[in-house]
Each structure stands twice: as structure tokens, then as C-alpha cells.
Amino acid sequence: MYRKFEDSFEGDVAVLRVNLKHATMSEAGRFREFANKVIDEGANKIVVDLKTCLIIDSTFIGALVSSLKKVTSKGGNLRLVIDNTPQSNIFMLTGISKVFKIYPNLYEAVNSFE
């Protein structure tokens, strides 16, 4: 069964997979609710895996920022997995890469919490 968002754990790190080609305004609210639920259940180390996304719009980035604010207010942090593609360039050009720690793969992102 196809799910737009999936969660799993690598040790004590919650991995949120975004299974969308286009992470846009139409899904941003649902992602925010999904991430908030995981945070409210106690996760404070979160990796959001965006490697299947070809497009990430500003509304979805806003949902990511909202999730980052929520988890940091609880003493945690959030990392992103984005491989070296045009969407990672957008994060660099807009300065969002100064807000998020971005990793090219899940392994590096999860291990960055150690």
C-alpha cells in the first residue's frame, strides 16, 4: 500500500519518509500534522527523508520549518536527507541550508545525532 508519509525508527532517531514526487502546498498541512504527531509522541531526534521529492515548494519548506521549531522547543533537532539534486540547490540558494542540517543519505543523517 502506498503511503505519502511513513515513520520508522533507527535506534532512538525517528525517520519520516516523504514518498512524494512533488512536496507542495497540497500536502504541506498533512505533513505538518504527521510530524507533529510523531513529536507529540516523544520523538526528539528526527530525520526527514526527502530523497524521492523532485520538487519541494515554499509551503512544504514552511511545514518543515514548523516541525523544526516544534522539536527544538522540546530540546530536540531535525535533519534532512536530500541528495545532490536541484532541490538541494534551492535550499542552498535560499539560505534554508543555514536553518537545517542537510545530509546526502539516511545513514549520515541518523549518525549525525551520535
C-alpha atoms as a PDB file:
ATOM      1  CA  MET A   1       0.000   0.000   0.000  1.00  0.00           C
ATOM      2  CA  TYR A   2       1.333   3.423  -0.974  1.00  0.00           C
ATOM      3  CA  ARG A   3       1.635   5.887   1.884  1.00  0.00           C
ATOM      4  CA  LYS A   4       2.620   9.510   1.334  1.00  0.00           C
ATOM      5  CA  PHE A   5       4.330   9.668   4.724  1.00  0.00           C
ATOM      6  CA  GLU A   6       5.876   6.826   6.703  1.00  0.00           C
ATOM      7  CA  ASP A   7       7.681   6.723  10.007  1.00  0.00           C
ATOM      8  CA  SER A   8      10.143   4.247  11.436  1.00  0.00           C
ATOM      9  CA  PHE A   9      12.936   4.282  13.976  1.00  0.00           C
ATOM     10  CA  GLU A  10      16.667   3.787  13.623  1.00  0.00           C
ATOM     11  CA  GLY A  11      17.535   3.344  17.299  1.00  0.00           C
ATOM     12  CA  ASP A  12      16.168   6.462  19.002  1.00  0.00           C
ATOM     13  CA  VAL A  13      16.005   8.506  15.771  1.00  0.00           C
ATOM     14  CA  ALA A  14      12.587   8.877  14.131  1.00  0.00           C
ATOM     15  CA  VAL A  15      12.822   8.668  10.341  1.00  0.00           C
ATOM     16  CA  LEU A  16       9.992  10.381   8.484  1.00  0.00           C
ATOM     17  CA  ARG A  17       9.903   9.373   4.814  1.00  0.00           C
ATOM     18  CA  VAL A  18       8.168  11.679   2.362  1.00  0.00           C
ATOM     19  CA  ASN A  19       7.079   9.464  -0.539  1.00  0.00           C
ATOM     20  CA  LEU A  20       6.089  12.229  -2.928  1.00  0.00           C
ATOM     21  CA  LYS A  21       7.474  13.388  -6.248  1.00  0.00           C
ATOM     22  CA  HIS A  22       6.081  16.876  -5.575  1.00  0.00           C
ATOM     23  CA  ALA A  23       6.153  18.079  -1.964  1.00  0.00           C
ATOM     24  CA  THR A  24       3.832  21.044  -2.382  1.00  0.00           C
ATOM     25  CA  MET A  25       1.149  23.126  -0.721  1.00  0.00           C
ATOM     26  CA  SER A  26      -1.444  20.376  -1.240  1.00  0.00           C
ATOM     27  CA  GLU A  27       0.496  18.049   1.117  1.00  0.00           C
ATOM     28  CA  ALA A  28       2.200  20.532   3.464  1.00  0.00           C
ATOM     29  CA  GLY A  29      -0.588  20.591   6.055  1.00  0.00           C
ATOM     30  CA  ARG A  30      -0.801  16.797   6.153  1.00  0.00           C
ATOM     31  CA  PHE A  31       2.949  16.539   6.602  1.00  0.00           C
ATOM     32  CA  ARG A  32       2.860  19.091   9.438  1.00  0.00           C
ATOM     33  CA  GLU A  33       0.149  17.042  11.216  1.00  0.00           C
ATOM     34  CA  PHE A  34       2.100  13.819  10.636  1.00  0.00           C
ATOM     35  CA  ALA A  35       5.347  15.282  12.010  1.00  0.00           C
ATOM     36  CA  ASN A  36       3.569  16.926  14.962  1.00  0.00           C
ATOM     37  CA  LYS A  37       2.056  13.565  15.931  1.00  0.00           C
ATOM     38  CA  VAL A  38       5.499  11.922  15.941  1.00  0.00           C
ATOM     39  CA  ILE A  39       6.940  14.796  18.011  1.00  0.00           C
ATOM     40  CA  ASP A  40       3.990  14.759  20.430  1.00  0.00           C
ATOM     41  CA  GLU A  41       4.573  11.023  20.944  1.00  0.00           C
ATOM     42  CA  GLY A  42       8.047  11.862  22.277  1.00  0.00           C
ATOM     43  CA  ALA A  43      10.449  11.766  19.338  1.00  0.00           C
ATOM     44  CA  ASN A  44      13.100  14.459  19.663  1.00  0.00           C
ATOM     45  CA  LYS A  45      15.658  13.248  17.112  1.00  0.00           C
ATOM     46  CA  ILE A  46      14.070  13.385  13.684  1.00  0.00           C
ATOM     47  CA  VAL A  47      15.332  12.801  10.163  1.00  0.00           C
ATOM     48  CA  VAL A  48      13.049  13.782   7.283  1.00  0.00           C
ATOM     49  CA  ASP A  49      13.929  11.796   4.178  1.00  0.00           C
ATOM     50  CA  LEU A  50      13.104  13.868   1.076  1.00  0.00           C
ATOM     51  CA  LYS A  51      15.211  11.989  -1.455  1.00  0.00           C
ATOM     52  CA  THR A  52      12.225  10.913  -3.600  1.00  0.00           C
ATOM     53  CA  CYS A  53      10.999  14.509  -3.962  1.00  0.00           C
ATOM     54  CA  LEU A  54      11.702  16.125  -7.306  1.00  0.00           C
ATOM     55  CA  ILE A  55      10.026  19.391  -6.292  1.00  0.00           C
ATOM     56  CA  ILE A  56       9.800  20.947  -2.831  1.00  0.00           C
ATOM     57  CA  ASP A  57       7.839  24.189  -2.768  1.00  0.00           C
ATOM     58  CA  SER A  58       7.981  27.041  -0.251  1.00  0.00           C
ATOM     59  CA  THR A  59       4.802  25.932   1.540  1.00  0.00           C
ATOM     60  CA  PHE A  60       6.266  22.493   2.199  1.00  0.00           C
ATOM     61  CA  ILE A  61       9.509  24.117   3.348  1.00  0.00           C
ATOM     62  CA  GLY A  62       7.348  26.137   5.758  1.00  0.00           C
ATOM     63  CA  ALA A  63       5.936  22.879   7.153  1.00  0.00           C
ATOM     64  CA  LEU A  64       9.498  21.602   7.641  1.00  0.00           C
ATOM     65  CA  VAL A  65      10.449  24.825   9.457  1.00  0.00           C
ATOM     66  CA  SER A  66       7.349  24.498  11.662  1.00  0.00           C
ATOM     67  CA  SER A  67       8.349  20.931  12.566  1.00  0.00           C
ATOM     68  CA  LEU A  68      11.908  22.043  13.307  1.00  0.00           C
ATOM     69  CA  LYS A  69      10.642  24.790  15.633  1.00  0.00           C
ATOM     70  CA  LYS A  70       8.369  22.360  17.462  1.00  0.00           C
ATOM     71  CA  VAL A  71      11.021  19.710  18.012  1.00  0.00           C
ATOM     72  CA  THR A  72      13.692  22.234  19.076  1.00  0.00           C
ATOM     73  CA  SER A  73      11.257  23.741  21.586  1.00  0.00           C
ATOM     74  CA  LYS A  74      11.235  20.277  23.196  1.00  0.00           C
ATOM     75  CA  GLY A  75      15.035  20.029  23.259  1.00  0.00           C
ATOM     76  CA  GLY A  76      15.379  18.011  20.054  1.00  0.00           C
ATOM     77  CA  ASN A  77      16.500  18.555  16.491  1.00  0.00           C
ATOM     78  CA  LEU A  78      15.579  17.697  12.930  1.00  0.00           C
ATOM     79  CA  ARG A  79      17.803  16.785   9.980  1.00  0.00           C
ATOM     80  CA  LEU A  80      17.004  16.477   6.276  1.00  0.00           C
ATOM     81  CA  VAL A  81      18.087  13.920   3.704  1.00  0.00           C
ATOM     82  CA  ILE A  82      18.323  15.464   0.252  1.00  0.00           C
ATOM     83  CA  ASP A  83      20.664  14.102  -2.346  1.00  0.00           C
ATOM     84  CA  ASN A  84      22.624  16.379  -4.669  1.00  0.00           C
ATOM     85  CA  THR A  85      19.793  17.425  -6.970  1.00  0.00           C
ATOM     86  CA  PRO A  86      18.139  20.697  -8.000  1.00  0.00           C
ATOM     87  CA  GLN A  87      16.022  20.823  -4.811  1.00  0.00           C
ATOM     88  CA  SER A  88      19.170  20.764  -2.681  1.00  0.00           C
ATOM     89  CA  ASN A  89      20.416  23.735  -4.707  1.00  0.00           C
ATOM     90  CA  ILE A  90      17.218  25.606  -3.828  1.00  0.00           C
ATOM     91  CA  PHE A  91      17.923  25.010  -0.127  1.00  0.00           C
ATOM     92  CA  MET A  92      21.421  26.424  -0.637  1.00  0.00           C
ATOM     93  CA  LEU A  93      20.376  29.440  -2.717  1.00  0.00           C
ATOM     94  CA  THR A  94      17.575  30.496  -0.371  1.00  0.00           C
ATOM     95  CA  GLY A  95      19.684  30.175   2.768  1.00  0.00           C
ATOM     96  CA  ILE A  96      17.462  27.426   4.190  1.00  0.00           C
ATOM     97  CA  SER A  97      20.576  25.277   4.438  1.00  0.00           C
ATOM     98  CA  LYS A  98      21.624  27.567   7.302  1.00  0.00           C
ATOM     99  CA  VAL A  99      18.449  26.572   9.172  1.00  0.00           C
ATOM    100  CA  PHE A 100      18.590  22.810   8.515  1.00  0.00           C
ATOM    101  CA  LYS A 101      21.403  20.321   8.671  1.00  0.00           C
ATOM    102  CA  ILE A 102      21.225  18.549   5.314  1.00  0.00           C
ATOM    103  CA  TYR A 103      22.739  15.152   4.543  1.00  0.00           C
ATOM    104  CA  PRO A 104      23.067  13.231   1.251  1.00  0.00           C
ATOM    105  CA  ASN A 105      21.848   9.924   2.712  1.00  0.00           C
ATOM    106  CA  LEU A 106      19.938   8.430   5.610  1.00  0.00           C
ATOM    107  CA  TYR A 107      22.976   6.774   7.175  1.00  0.00           C
ATOM    108  CA  GLU A 108      24.852  10.065   7.616  1.00  0.00           C
ATOM    109  CA  ALA A 109      21.762  11.898   8.870  1.00  0.00           C
ATOM    110  CA  VAL A 110      20.941   9.287  11.516  1.00  0.00           C
ATOM    111  CA  ASN A 111      24.563   9.020  12.670  1.00  0.00           C
ATOM    112  CA  SER A 112      24.857  12.801  12.962  1.00  0.00           C
ATOM    113  CA  PHE A 113      22.918  12.558  16.229  1.00  0.00           C
ATOM    114  CA  GLU A 114      25.638  10.494  17.922  1.00  0.00           C
END
